[in-house]
Amino acid sequence: MRTLRRTWRLPSARIALAVLALVALVAVAGGALAPYDPLAQRPADMLHGPSAGHLLGTDYLGRDVLSRLLAGTGRSVVGALEAVGAAMLLGIVPGIASVWLGRTVEWTAQRAADTLMIMPFTVFAIAVVGALGNGMHQAMLALGVLFAPLYFRVTRAAALGLKQAQYVEAAELMGASRWWILRVHVWGKILPTIAVTTAQAVGQALLVVASLTFLGLGVQPPAPTWGGMLASDLGYLAQQPWAPLIPGAAIMITVGALNILADAVRDSGAADSGTKPGRKAGTAPRIQVITRPEKRPEEVDQRVTTG
C-alpha cells in the first residue's frame, strides 16, 4: 500500500492513470458513445476527410472512423487483458511452485519456460489458430502461453530471494505451513514486481494484438479493432495519408501510458526498499566522514628539533 501511495504522488503516474482511465471508459462504453453504427456502410461517403458530420472522416466503405475507433477499443483492450491474464495464470503459479515444491518441479518448469522462450511467436500463433480455429480467444491463448515465461522468471526470481530471507527460515523452523508463509511473507513482497510486469505486458500485448489483427489472425472483419483499422487504412494511403495515424496514435498513447505507469511503480518500490521511514524518496542518507586529525604545527616542529 505504501508503494501505491508513493506512486500516486508522482505527477507522471497521475497523468498515465488518467489516460488509462479514459481508455477503460471508452473500452466499456465505446459502443454507446459511437455516433454511428460502426458496421454501417455508406458508399456515397467513401474516403471523406474530417467534417462536422464525421469528425475523423470515413473509410473506404463509407464507415465512420470515430465510431469504429470507439467500438474497436473494447475488443483491443479486452484481447490484451485476456492474453495477460492467461500468462499470469500460466507463469506465476509455476514460478512460485518451482521454488517451494522441490527440484523435480523446478527442473520441469524451467525446461518448459526455456522451450517457450525460443518458440517463434508467429509460427506458434498460426499453429494454435490452425488447430483451434481462427478467433480472438484462440489467438489470445497463444499469446498468453508465450507471455507466460516472462511471469515465470520474474516470479521465480522474487520468490527465490524471499525463501532465503531469515524471517522465512525462522517461520519454517517454527513449523509454519508453506501456504501460510506464501500468504503472509511472500505474496505481499512480490506483488509490486508483478504489477510492474503486468503494466509492461499489457502494453506489449496491445502491440501484438494489433499485429495479429494486421496479419488476419484473431478478430475477423468487419468487426472493428485498432489493428484491423490500421491494416485497412494502409491500402488507401494515396487518398487518405493521415488515416493510419488515428489507430496508430491510439495504440501509441495507450502503450506509452502503461510504460510510464510501470516505471512509476518500479521507482516507488525501489524508493520504499531503499529509504527509511520518514526520509524523502530519492535523498541519500547523511554519512559522517571520520578523518584522522591533523598534527599541530608546534608538535611537528618539536619532533624535528628532538630528532
C-alpha atoms as a PDB file:
ATOM      1  CA  MET A   1       0.000   0.000   0.000  1.00  0.00           C
ATOM      2  CA  ARG A   2       2.859   2.361   0.723  1.00  0.00           C
ATOM      3  CA  THR A   3       4.199   1.763  -2.777  1.00  0.00           C
ATOM      4  CA  LEU A   4       0.804   2.648  -4.257  1.00  0.00           C
ATOM      5  CA  ARG A   5       0.563   5.835  -2.201  1.00  0.00           C
ATOM      6  CA  ARG A   6       4.060   6.854  -3.238  1.00  0.00           C
ATOM      7  CA  THR A   7       3.206   6.114  -6.869  1.00  0.00           C
ATOM      8  CA  TRP A   8       0.078   8.289  -6.683  1.00  0.00           C
ATOM      9  CA  ARG A   9       2.210  11.265  -5.561  1.00  0.00           C
ATOM     10  CA  LEU A  10       4.172  11.206  -8.823  1.00  0.00           C
ATOM     11  CA  PRO A  11       2.742  13.571 -11.490  1.00  0.00           C
ATOM     12  CA  SER A  12       3.702  11.193 -14.289  1.00  0.00           C
ATOM     13  CA  ALA A  13       1.759   8.380 -12.643  1.00  0.00           C
ATOM     14  CA  ARG A  14      -1.334  10.559 -12.290  1.00  0.00           C
ATOM     15  CA  ILE A  15      -1.232  11.533 -15.953  1.00  0.00           C
ATOM     16  CA  ALA A  16      -0.762   7.908 -17.007  1.00  0.00           C
ATOM     17  CA  LEU A  17      -3.648   6.768 -14.790  1.00  0.00           C
ATOM     18  CA  ALA A  18      -5.891   9.488 -16.216  1.00  0.00           C
ATOM     19  CA  VAL A  19      -5.119   8.346 -19.758  1.00  0.00           C
ATOM     20  CA  LEU A  20      -5.703   4.694 -18.861  1.00  0.00           C
ATOM     21  CA  ALA A  21      -8.967   5.562 -17.095  1.00  0.00           C
ATOM     22  CA  LEU A  22     -10.153   7.288 -20.268  1.00  0.00           C
ATOM     23  CA  VAL A  23      -9.177   4.255 -22.349  1.00  0.00           C
ATOM     24  CA  ALA A  24     -11.019   1.969 -19.906  1.00  0.00           C
ATOM     25  CA  LEU A  25     -14.126   4.157 -20.112  1.00  0.00           C
ATOM     26  CA  VAL A  26     -14.062   4.053 -23.906  1.00  0.00           C
ATOM     27  CA  ALA A  27     -13.480   0.303 -23.830  1.00  0.00           C
ATOM     28  CA  VAL A  28     -16.557  -0.223 -21.649  1.00  0.00           C
ATOM     29  CA  ALA A  29     -18.907   2.330 -23.213  1.00  0.00           C
ATOM     30  CA  GLY A  30     -17.386   2.791 -26.667  1.00  0.00           C
ATOM     31  CA  GLY A  31     -20.351   1.277 -28.467  1.00  0.00           C
ATOM     32  CA  ALA A  32     -22.786   3.620 -26.698  1.00  0.00           C
ATOM     33  CA  LEU A  33     -20.583   6.660 -27.327  1.00  0.00           C
ATOM     34  CA  ALA A  34     -20.214   5.982 -31.057  1.00  0.00           C
ATOM     35  CA  PRO A  35     -22.224   8.500 -33.095  1.00  0.00           C
ATOM     36  CA  TYR A  36     -22.914   5.965 -35.895  1.00  0.00           C
ATOM     37  CA  ASP A  37     -23.156   2.245 -36.344  1.00  0.00           C
ATOM     38  CA  PRO A  38     -19.503   1.137 -36.794  1.00  0.00           C
ATOM     39  CA  LEU A  39     -20.565  -1.502 -39.345  1.00  0.00           C
ATOM     40  CA  ALA A  40     -22.932   0.692 -41.406  1.00  0.00           C
ATOM     41  CA  GLN A  41     -21.632   1.225 -44.954  1.00  0.00           C
ATOM     42  CA  ARG A  42     -22.382   4.426 -46.870  1.00  0.00           C
ATOM     43  CA  PRO A  43     -20.975   4.218 -50.434  1.00  0.00           C
ATOM     44  CA  ALA A  44     -21.761   7.883 -51.031  1.00  0.00           C
ATOM     45  CA  ASP A  45     -19.418   8.929 -48.191  1.00  0.00           C
ATOM     46  CA  MET A  46     -16.379   6.822 -49.053  1.00  0.00           C
ATOM     47  CA  LEU A  47     -12.935   8.217 -48.168  1.00  0.00           C
ATOM     48  CA  HIS A  48     -14.200  11.572 -46.915  1.00  0.00           C
ATOM     49  CA  GLY A  49     -11.984  13.694 -44.739  1.00  0.00           C
ATOM     50  CA  PRO A  50     -12.838  15.053 -41.286  1.00  0.00           C
ATOM     51  CA  SER A  51     -16.003  17.149 -41.238  1.00  0.00           C
ATOM     52  CA  ALA A  52     -18.782  18.227 -38.897  1.00  0.00           C
ATOM     53  CA  GLY A  53     -20.745  15.073 -39.648  1.00  0.00           C
ATOM     54  CA  HIS A  54     -17.731  12.731 -39.398  1.00  0.00           C
ATOM     55  CA  LEU A  55     -15.124  14.160 -37.037  1.00  0.00           C
ATOM     56  CA  LEU A  56     -12.396  11.723 -38.131  1.00  0.00           C
ATOM     57  CA  GLY A  57     -13.692  11.127 -41.654  1.00  0.00           C
ATOM     58  CA  THR A  58     -14.844   7.878 -43.259  1.00  0.00           C
ATOM     59  CA  ASP A  59     -13.022   4.803 -44.556  1.00  0.00           C
ATOM     60  CA  TYR A  60     -13.058   3.055 -47.938  1.00  0.00           C
ATOM     61  CA  LEU A  61     -16.567   1.670 -47.295  1.00  0.00           C
ATOM     62  CA  GLY A  62     -18.042   4.925 -46.010  1.00  0.00           C
ATOM     63  CA  ARG A  63     -17.973   3.807 -42.364  1.00  0.00           C
ATOM     64  CA  ASP A  64     -17.447   6.455 -39.676  1.00  0.00           C
ATOM     65  CA  VAL A  65     -13.843   6.259 -38.417  1.00  0.00           C
ATOM     66  CA  LEU A  66     -14.609   7.696 -34.976  1.00  0.00           C
ATOM     67  CA  SER A  67     -17.362   5.139 -34.399  1.00  0.00           C
ATOM     68  CA  ARG A  68     -15.084   2.293 -35.420  1.00  0.00           C
ATOM     69  CA  LEU A  69     -12.275   3.611 -33.230  1.00  0.00           C
ATOM     70  CA  LEU A  70     -14.550   3.816 -30.172  1.00  0.00           C
ATOM     71  CA  ALA A  71     -16.121   0.413 -30.810  1.00  0.00           C
ATOM     72  CA  GLY A  72     -12.770  -1.227 -31.529  1.00  0.00           C
ATOM     73  CA  THR A  73     -11.190  -0.038 -28.277  1.00  0.00           C
ATOM     74  CA  GLY A  74     -13.067  -2.616 -26.242  1.00  0.00           C
ATOM     75  CA  ARG A  75     -12.015  -5.555 -28.414  1.00  0.00           C
ATOM     76  CA  SER A  76      -8.380  -4.474 -28.479  1.00  0.00           C
ATOM     77  CA  VAL A  77      -8.139  -3.861 -24.726  1.00  0.00           C
ATOM     78  CA  VAL A  78     -10.096  -6.982 -23.749  1.00  0.00           C
ATOM     79  CA  GLY A  79      -7.919  -9.082 -26.045  1.00  0.00           C
ATOM     80  CA  ALA A  80      -4.741  -7.760 -24.428  1.00  0.00           C
ATOM     81  CA  LEU A  81      -6.123  -8.314 -20.915  1.00  0.00           C
ATOM     82  CA  GLU A  82      -7.210 -11.835 -21.838  1.00  0.00           C
ATOM     83  CA  ALA A  83      -3.717 -12.689 -23.051  1.00  0.00           C
ATOM     84  CA  VAL A  84      -2.060 -11.192 -19.963  1.00  0.00           C
ATOM     85  CA  GLY A  85      -4.498 -12.991 -17.658  1.00  0.00           C
ATOM     86  CA  ALA A  86      -3.627 -16.320 -19.259  1.00  0.00           C
ATOM     87  CA  ALA A  87       0.078 -15.504 -18.985  1.00  0.00           C
ATOM     88  CA  MET A  88      -0.288 -14.677 -15.272  1.00  0.00           C
ATOM     89  CA  LEU A  89      -2.086 -17.938 -14.577  1.00  0.00           C
ATOM     90  CA  LEU A  90       0.448 -20.000 -16.531  1.00  0.00           C
ATOM     91  CA  GLY A  91       3.508 -18.137 -15.234  1.00  0.00           C
ATOM     92  CA  ILE A  92       3.002 -17.020 -11.630  1.00  0.00           C
ATOM     93  CA  VAL A  93       1.812 -20.327 -10.196  1.00  0.00           C
ATOM     94  CA  PRO A  94       4.651 -22.420 -11.721  1.00  0.00           C
ATOM     95  CA  GLY A  95       7.138 -19.704 -10.773  1.00  0.00           C
ATOM     96  CA  ILE A  96       6.254 -19.961  -7.077  1.00  0.00           C
ATOM     97  CA  ALA A  97       5.872 -23.751  -7.227  1.00  0.00           C
ATOM     98  CA  SER A  98       9.348 -24.179  -8.722  1.00  0.00           C
ATOM     99  CA  VAL A  99      10.849 -22.575  -5.606  1.00  0.00           C
ATOM    100  CA  TRP A 100       8.813 -24.377  -2.938  1.00  0.00           C
ATOM    101  CA  LEU A 101       7.924 -27.822  -4.351  1.00  0.00           C
ATOM    102  CA  GLY A 102      11.280 -29.451  -4.917  1.00  0.00           C
ATOM    103  CA  ARG A 103      13.811 -29.920  -7.672  1.00  0.00           C
ATOM    104  CA  THR A 104      11.643 -32.087  -9.904  1.00  0.00           C
ATOM    105  CA  VAL A 105       9.036 -29.362 -10.274  1.00  0.00           C
ATOM    106  CA  GLU A 106      11.806 -26.766 -10.627  1.00  0.00           C
ATOM    107  CA  TRP A 107      13.547 -28.647 -13.446  1.00  0.00           C
ATOM    108  CA  THR A 108      10.308 -29.331 -15.310  1.00  0.00           C
ATOM    109  CA  ALA A 109       9.082 -25.743 -15.065  1.00  0.00           C
ATOM    110  CA  GLN A 110      12.423 -24.281 -16.154  1.00  0.00           C
ATOM    111  CA  ARG A 111      12.652 -26.560 -19.189  1.00  0.00           C
ATOM    112  CA  ALA A 112       9.101 -25.651 -20.224  1.00  0.00           C
ATOM    113  CA  ALA A 113       9.849 -21.941 -19.840  1.00  0.00           C
ATOM    114  CA  ASP A 114      13.066 -22.235 -21.859  1.00  0.00           C
ATOM    115  CA  THR A 115      11.212 -24.052 -24.640  1.00  0.00           C
ATOM    116  CA  LEU A 116       8.502 -21.401 -24.864  1.00  0.00           C
ATOM    117  CA  MET A 117      11.050 -18.571 -24.889  1.00  0.00           C
ATOM    118  CA  ILE A 118      12.718 -19.858 -28.052  1.00  0.00           C
ATOM    119  CA  MET A 119       9.421 -20.577 -29.787  1.00  0.00           C
ATOM    120  CA  PRO A 120       8.802 -18.311 -32.838  1.00  0.00           C
ATOM    121  CA  PHE A 121       5.687 -16.362 -31.952  1.00  0.00           C
ATOM    122  CA  THR A 122       4.155 -16.064 -35.399  1.00  0.00           C
ATOM    123  CA  VAL A 123       4.623 -19.750 -36.169  1.00  0.00           C
ATOM    124  CA  PHE A 124       3.180 -20.762 -32.799  1.00  0.00           C
ATOM    125  CA  ALA A 125       0.185 -18.426 -33.179  1.00  0.00           C
ATOM    126  CA  ILE A 126      -0.570 -19.728 -36.673  1.00  0.00           C
ATOM    127  CA  ALA A 127      -0.309 -23.321 -35.407  1.00  0.00           C
ATOM    128  CA  VAL A 128      -2.700 -22.667 -32.497  1.00  0.00           C
ATOM    129  CA  VAL A 129      -5.168 -20.810 -34.705  1.00  0.00           C
ATOM    130  CA  GLY A 130      -4.971 -23.586 -37.301  1.00  0.00           C
ATOM    131  CA  ALA A 131      -5.647 -26.254 -34.677  1.00  0.00           C
ATOM    132  CA  LEU A 132      -8.342 -24.458 -32.658  1.00  0.00           C
ATOM    133  CA  GLY A 133      -9.832 -22.185 -35.313  1.00  0.00           C
ATOM    134  CA  ASN A 134      -9.317 -18.544 -36.214  1.00  0.00           C
ATOM    135  CA  GLY A 135     -10.775 -16.373 -33.475  1.00  0.00           C
ATOM    136  CA  MET A 136      -9.932 -13.834 -30.825  1.00  0.00           C
ATOM    137  CA  HIS A 137      -9.818 -16.289 -27.913  1.00  0.00           C
ATOM    138  CA  GLN A 138      -7.610 -18.761 -29.758  1.00  0.00           C
ATOM    139  CA  ALA A 139      -5.104 -16.077 -30.717  1.00  0.00           C
ATOM    140  CA  MET A 140      -5.051 -14.663 -27.174  1.00  0.00           C
ATOM    141  CA  LEU A 141      -4.459 -18.140 -25.767  1.00  0.00           C
ATOM    142  CA  ALA A 142      -1.380 -18.475 -27.962  1.00  0.00           C
ATOM    143  CA  LEU A 143      -0.210 -15.046 -26.867  1.00  0.00           C
ATOM    144  CA  GLY A 144      -0.767 -15.871 -23.192  1.00  0.00           C
ATOM    145  CA  VAL A 145       1.227 -19.107 -23.461  1.00  0.00           C
ATOM    146  CA  LEU A 146       4.193 -17.278 -24.988  1.00  0.00           C
ATOM    147  CA  PHE A 147       3.993 -14.460 -22.412  1.00  0.00           C
ATOM    148  CA  ALA A 148       3.964 -16.954 -19.511  1.00  0.00           C
ATOM    149  CA  PRO A 149       7.800 -17.334 -19.284  1.00  0.00           C
ATOM    150  CA  LEU A 150       8.050 -13.608 -18.535  1.00  0.00           C
ATOM    151  CA  TYR A 151       5.903 -14.006 -15.416  1.00  0.00           C
ATOM    152  CA  PHE A 152       7.583 -17.298 -14.554  1.00  0.00           C
ATOM    153  CA  ARG A 153      11.074 -15.828 -14.445  1.00  0.00           C
ATOM    154  CA  VAL A 154      10.070 -12.637 -12.631  1.00  0.00           C
ATOM    155  CA  THR A 155       8.051 -14.501 -10.003  1.00  0.00           C
ATOM    156  CA  ARG A 156      10.666 -17.206  -9.533  1.00  0.00           C
ATOM    157  CA  ALA A 157      13.468 -14.680  -9.034  1.00  0.00           C
ATOM    158  CA  ALA A 158      11.460 -12.748  -6.433  1.00  0.00           C
ATOM    159  CA  ALA A 159      10.301 -15.869  -4.580  1.00  0.00           C
ATOM    160  CA  LEU A 160      13.790 -17.380  -4.603  1.00  0.00           C
ATOM    161  CA  GLY A 161      15.210 -14.309  -2.883  1.00  0.00           C
ATOM    162  CA  LEU A 162      12.440 -14.340  -0.279  1.00  0.00           C
ATOM    163  CA  LYS A 163      12.884 -18.032   0.506  1.00  0.00           C
ATOM    164  CA  GLN A 164      16.451 -17.327   1.630  1.00  0.00           C
ATOM    165  CA  ALA A 165      15.353 -14.496   3.936  1.00  0.00           C
ATOM    166  CA  GLN A 166      15.921 -15.022   7.644  1.00  0.00           C
ATOM    167  CA  TYR A 167      12.313 -14.393   8.683  1.00  0.00           C
ATOM    168  CA  VAL A 168      11.115 -17.053   6.205  1.00  0.00           C
ATOM    169  CA  GLU A 169      13.644 -19.565   7.532  1.00  0.00           C
ATOM    170  CA  ALA A 170      12.567 -18.723  11.079  1.00  0.00           C
ATOM    171  CA  ALA A 171       8.919 -19.307  10.182  1.00  0.00           C
ATOM    172  CA  GLU A 172       9.800 -22.707   8.686  1.00  0.00           C
ATOM    173  CA  LEU A 173      11.722 -23.697  11.832  1.00  0.00           C
ATOM    174  CA  MET A 174       8.722 -22.712  13.962  1.00  0.00           C
ATOM    175  CA  GLY A 175       6.538 -25.117  11.983  1.00  0.00           C
ATOM    176  CA  ALA A 176       4.608 -22.687   9.787  1.00  0.00           C
ATOM    177  CA  SER A 177       2.972 -24.238   6.736  1.00  0.00           C
ATOM    178  CA  ARG A 178       4.056 -23.376   3.212  1.00  0.00           C
ATOM    179  CA  TRP A 179       0.654 -21.866   2.436  1.00  0.00           C
ATOM    180  CA  TRP A 180       0.902 -19.560   5.483  1.00  0.00           C
ATOM    181  CA  ILE A 181       4.424 -18.466   4.540  1.00  0.00           C
ATOM    182  CA  LEU A 182       3.382 -17.785   0.958  1.00  0.00           C
ATOM    183  CA  ARG A 183       0.316 -15.832   2.026  1.00  0.00           C
ATOM    184  CA  VAL A 184       1.976 -13.786   4.774  1.00  0.00           C
ATOM    185  CA  HIS A 185       5.621 -13.362   3.770  1.00  0.00           C
ATOM    186  CA  VAL A 186       5.873 -13.958   0.025  1.00  0.00           C
ATOM    187  CA  TRP A 187       2.807 -12.779  -1.861  1.00  0.00           C
ATOM    188  CA  GLY A 188       2.824  -9.229  -0.492  1.00  0.00           C
ATOM    189  CA  LYS A 189       6.513  -8.823  -1.324  1.00  0.00           C
ATOM    190  CA  ILE A 190       6.285  -9.971  -4.940  1.00  0.00           C
ATOM    191  CA  LEU A 191       3.034  -8.146  -5.731  1.00  0.00           C
ATOM    192  CA  PRO A 192       4.732  -4.812  -6.711  1.00  0.00           C
ATOM    193  CA  THR A 193       7.039  -6.717  -9.070  1.00  0.00           C
ATOM    194  CA  ILE A 194       4.060  -8.462 -10.646  1.00  0.00           C
ATOM    195  CA  ALA A 195       2.268  -5.118 -11.004  1.00  0.00           C
ATOM    196  CA  VAL A 196       5.207  -3.616 -12.915  1.00  0.00           C
ATOM    197  CA  THR A 197       5.441  -6.691 -15.133  1.00  0.00           C
ATOM    198  CA  THR A 198       1.697  -6.595 -15.806  1.00  0.00           C
ATOM    199  CA  ALA A 199       1.735  -2.951 -16.885  1.00  0.00           C
ATOM    200  CA  GLN A 200       4.542  -3.660 -19.325  1.00  0.00           C
ATOM    201  CA  ALA A 201       2.951  -6.901 -20.531  1.00  0.00           C
ATOM    202  CA  VAL A 202      -0.396  -5.250 -21.300  1.00  0.00           C
ATOM    203  CA  GLY A 203       1.399  -2.674 -23.435  1.00  0.00           C
ATOM    204  CA  GLN A 204       3.280  -5.381 -25.307  1.00  0.00           C
ATOM    205  CA  ALA A 205       0.079  -7.394 -25.689  1.00  0.00           C
ATOM    206  CA  LEU A 206      -1.704  -4.426 -27.264  1.00  0.00           C
ATOM    207  CA  LEU A 207       1.040  -4.188 -29.869  1.00  0.00           C
ATOM    208  CA  VAL A 208       0.942  -7.927 -30.549  1.00  0.00           C
ATOM    209  CA  VAL A 209      -2.876  -7.961 -30.769  1.00  0.00           C
ATOM    210  CA  ALA A 210      -2.671  -5.183 -33.345  1.00  0.00           C
ATOM    211  CA  SER A 211      -0.008  -7.134 -35.231  1.00  0.00           C
ATOM    212  CA  LEU A 212      -2.086 -10.321 -35.228  1.00  0.00           C
ATOM    213  CA  THR A 213      -5.146  -8.471 -36.490  1.00  0.00           C
ATOM    214  CA  PHE A 214      -2.959  -6.858 -39.129  1.00  0.00           C
ATOM    215  CA  LEU A 215      -1.972 -10.377 -40.264  1.00  0.00           C
ATOM    216  CA  GLY A 216      -5.579 -11.567 -40.288  1.00  0.00           C
ATOM    217  CA  LEU A 217      -5.423 -13.577 -37.042  1.00  0.00           C
ATOM    218  CA  GLY A 218      -7.801 -13.008 -34.162  1.00  0.00           C
ATOM    219  CA  VAL A 219     -10.774 -10.710 -34.706  1.00  0.00           C
ATOM    220  CA  GLN A 220     -12.080 -11.011 -38.242  1.00  0.00           C
ATOM    221  CA  PRO A 221     -13.517  -8.187 -40.373  1.00  0.00           C
ATOM    222  CA  PRO A 222     -15.822  -6.339 -40.355  1.00  0.00           C
ATOM    223  CA  ALA A 223     -15.528  -6.205 -36.543  1.00  0.00           C
ATOM    224  CA  PRO A 224     -13.500  -3.077 -35.711  1.00  0.00           C
ATOM    225  CA  THR A 225     -10.167  -3.259 -33.875  1.00  0.00           C
ATOM    226  CA  TRP A 226      -7.191  -0.927 -33.765  1.00  0.00           C
ATOM    227  CA  GLY A 227      -5.010  -3.335 -35.706  1.00  0.00           C
ATOM    228  CA  GLY A 228      -7.733  -4.038 -38.262  1.00  0.00           C
ATOM    229  CA  MET A 229      -8.262  -0.328 -38.878  1.00  0.00           C
ATOM    230  CA  LEU A 230      -4.535   0.142 -39.314  1.00  0.00           C
ATOM    231  CA  ALA A 231      -4.344  -2.710 -41.819  1.00  0.00           C
ATOM    232  CA  SER A 232      -7.280  -1.460 -43.903  1.00  0.00           C
ATOM    233  CA  ASP A 233      -6.088   2.156 -43.903  1.00  0.00           C
ATOM    234  CA  LEU A 234      -2.672   1.256 -45.287  1.00  0.00           C
ATOM    235  CA  GLY A 235      -4.288   0.275 -48.590  1.00  0.00           C
ATOM    236  CA  TYR A 236      -5.534   3.827 -49.166  1.00  0.00           C
ATOM    237  CA  LEU A 237      -2.535   5.964 -48.282  1.00  0.00           C
ATOM    238  CA  ALA A 238      -2.747   7.856 -51.574  1.00  0.00           C
ATOM    239  CA  GLN A 239      -6.304   9.021 -50.834  1.00  0.00           C
ATOM    240  CA  GLN A 240      -6.010   9.409 -47.034  1.00  0.00           C
ATOM    241  CA  PRO A 241      -2.384   9.596 -45.890  1.00  0.00           C
ATOM    242  CA  TRP A 242      -3.468  10.639 -42.380  1.00  0.00           C
ATOM    243  CA  ALA A 243      -5.842   7.685 -41.811  1.00  0.00           C
ATOM    244  CA  PRO A 244      -3.301   5.180 -40.311  1.00  0.00           C
ATOM    245  CA  LEU A 245      -2.219   7.823 -37.802  1.00  0.00           C
ATOM    246  CA  ILE A 246      -5.560   7.618 -35.966  1.00  0.00           C
ATOM    247  CA  PRO A 247      -5.424   3.971 -34.759  1.00  0.00           C
ATOM    248  CA  GLY A 248      -1.638   4.229 -34.529  1.00  0.00           C
ATOM    249  CA  ALA A 249      -1.941   7.174 -32.156  1.00  0.00           C
ATOM    250  CA  ALA A 250      -4.445   5.270 -30.006  1.00  0.00           C
ATOM    251  CA  ILE A 251      -2.025   2.354 -29.718  1.00  0.00           C
ATOM    252  CA  MET A 252       0.978   4.590 -29.058  1.00  0.00           C
ATOM    253  CA  ILE A 253      -0.738   6.685 -26.353  1.00  0.00           C
ATOM    254  CA  THR A 254      -2.081   3.650 -24.504  1.00  0.00           C
ATOM    255  CA  VAL A 255       1.215   1.751 -24.603  1.00  0.00           C
ATOM    256  CA  GLY A 256       3.115   4.889 -23.547  1.00  0.00           C
ATOM    257  CA  ALA A 257       0.805   5.431 -20.557  1.00  0.00           C
ATOM    258  CA  LEU A 258       1.283   1.808 -19.467  1.00  0.00           C
ATOM    259  CA  ASN A 259       5.071   2.106 -19.688  1.00  0.00           C
ATOM    260  CA  ILE A 260       5.061   5.362 -17.710  1.00  0.00           C
ATOM    261  CA  LEU A 261       2.906   3.753 -15.021  1.00  0.00           C
ATOM    262  CA  ALA A 262       5.211   0.737 -14.871  1.00  0.00           C
ATOM    263  CA  ASP A 263       8.252   2.983 -14.434  1.00  0.00           C
ATOM    264  CA  ALA A 264       6.485   4.940 -11.678  1.00  0.00           C
ATOM    265  CA  VAL A 265       5.554   1.781  -9.755  1.00  0.00           C
ATOM    266  CA  ARG A 266       9.085   0.406 -10.107  1.00  0.00           C
ATOM    267  CA  ASP A 267      10.667   3.659  -8.894  1.00  0.00           C
ATOM    268  CA  SER A 268       8.272   3.830  -5.941  1.00  0.00           C
ATOM    269  CA  GLY A 269       9.042   0.271  -4.970  1.00  0.00           C
ATOM    270  CA  ALA A 270      12.778   0.949  -5.172  1.00  0.00           C
ATOM    271  CA  ALA A 271      12.347   4.038  -3.000  1.00  0.00           C
ATOM    272  CA  ASP A 272      10.408   2.060  -0.394  1.00  0.00           C
ATOM    273  CA  SER A 273      13.065  -0.621  -0.199  1.00  0.00           C
ATOM    274  CA  GLY A 274      15.983   1.799  -0.191  1.00  0.00           C
ATOM    275  CA  THR A 275      14.895   4.506   2.248  1.00  0.00           C
ATOM    276  CA  LYS A 276      13.959   4.541   5.893  1.00  0.00           C
ATOM    277  CA  PRO A 277      10.557   5.729   7.131  1.00  0.00           C
ATOM    278  CA  GLY A 278      10.482   9.479   7.415  1.00  0.00           C
ATOM    279  CA  ARG A 279      13.157  10.068   4.811  1.00  0.00           C
ATOM    280  CA  LYS A 280      12.209  11.588   1.494  1.00  0.00           C
ATOM    281  CA  ALA A 281      12.482   9.353  -1.508  1.00  0.00           C
ATOM    282  CA  GLY A 282      15.499   9.999  -3.639  1.00  0.00           C
ATOM    283  CA  THR A 283      17.613  11.568  -0.865  1.00  0.00           C
ATOM    284  CA  ALA A 284      20.739   9.821   0.259  1.00  0.00           C
ATOM    285  CA  PRO A 285      21.361   9.245   3.976  1.00  0.00           C
ATOM    286  CA  ARG A 286      23.806  11.523   5.711  1.00  0.00           C
ATOM    287  CA  ILE A 287      27.189   9.898   6.084  1.00  0.00           C
ATOM    288  CA  GLN A 288      29.532  11.176   8.758  1.00  0.00           C
ATOM    289  CA  VAL A 289      33.066  11.119   7.414  1.00  0.00           C
ATOM    290  CA  ILE A 290      35.672  10.448  10.094  1.00  0.00           C
ATOM    291  CA  THR A 291      39.121  11.693   9.211  1.00  0.00           C
ATOM    292  CA  ARG A 292      42.402  11.469  11.014  1.00  0.00           C
ATOM    293  CA  PRO A 293      43.103  14.662  12.988  1.00  0.00           C
ATOM    294  CA  GLU A 294      45.845  16.819  11.582  1.00  0.00           C
ATOM    295  CA  LYS A 295      49.029  17.356  13.585  1.00  0.00           C
ATOM    296  CA  ARG A 296      49.583  20.712  15.163  1.00  0.00           C
ATOM    297  CA  PRO A 297      52.462  22.812  13.830  1.00  0.00           C
ATOM    298  CA  GLU A 298      54.187  23.005  17.231  1.00  0.00           C
ATOM    299  CA  GLU A 299      54.150  19.193  17.523  1.00  0.00           C
ATOM    300  CA  VAL A 300      55.785  18.847  14.116  1.00  0.00           C
ATOM    301  CA  ASP A 301      58.492  21.436  14.996  1.00  0.00           C
ATOM    302  CA  GLN A 302      59.204  19.745  18.325  1.00  0.00           C
ATOM    303  CA  ARG A 303      59.653  16.333  16.658  1.00  0.00           C
ATOM    304  CA  VAL A 304      62.048  17.803  14.100  1.00  0.00           C
ATOM    305  CA  THR A 305      64.099  19.538  16.832  1.00  0.00           C
ATOM    306  CA  THR A 306      64.361  16.495  19.069  1.00  0.00           C
ATOM    307  CA  GLY A 307      65.128  14.205  16.134  1.00  0.00           C
END
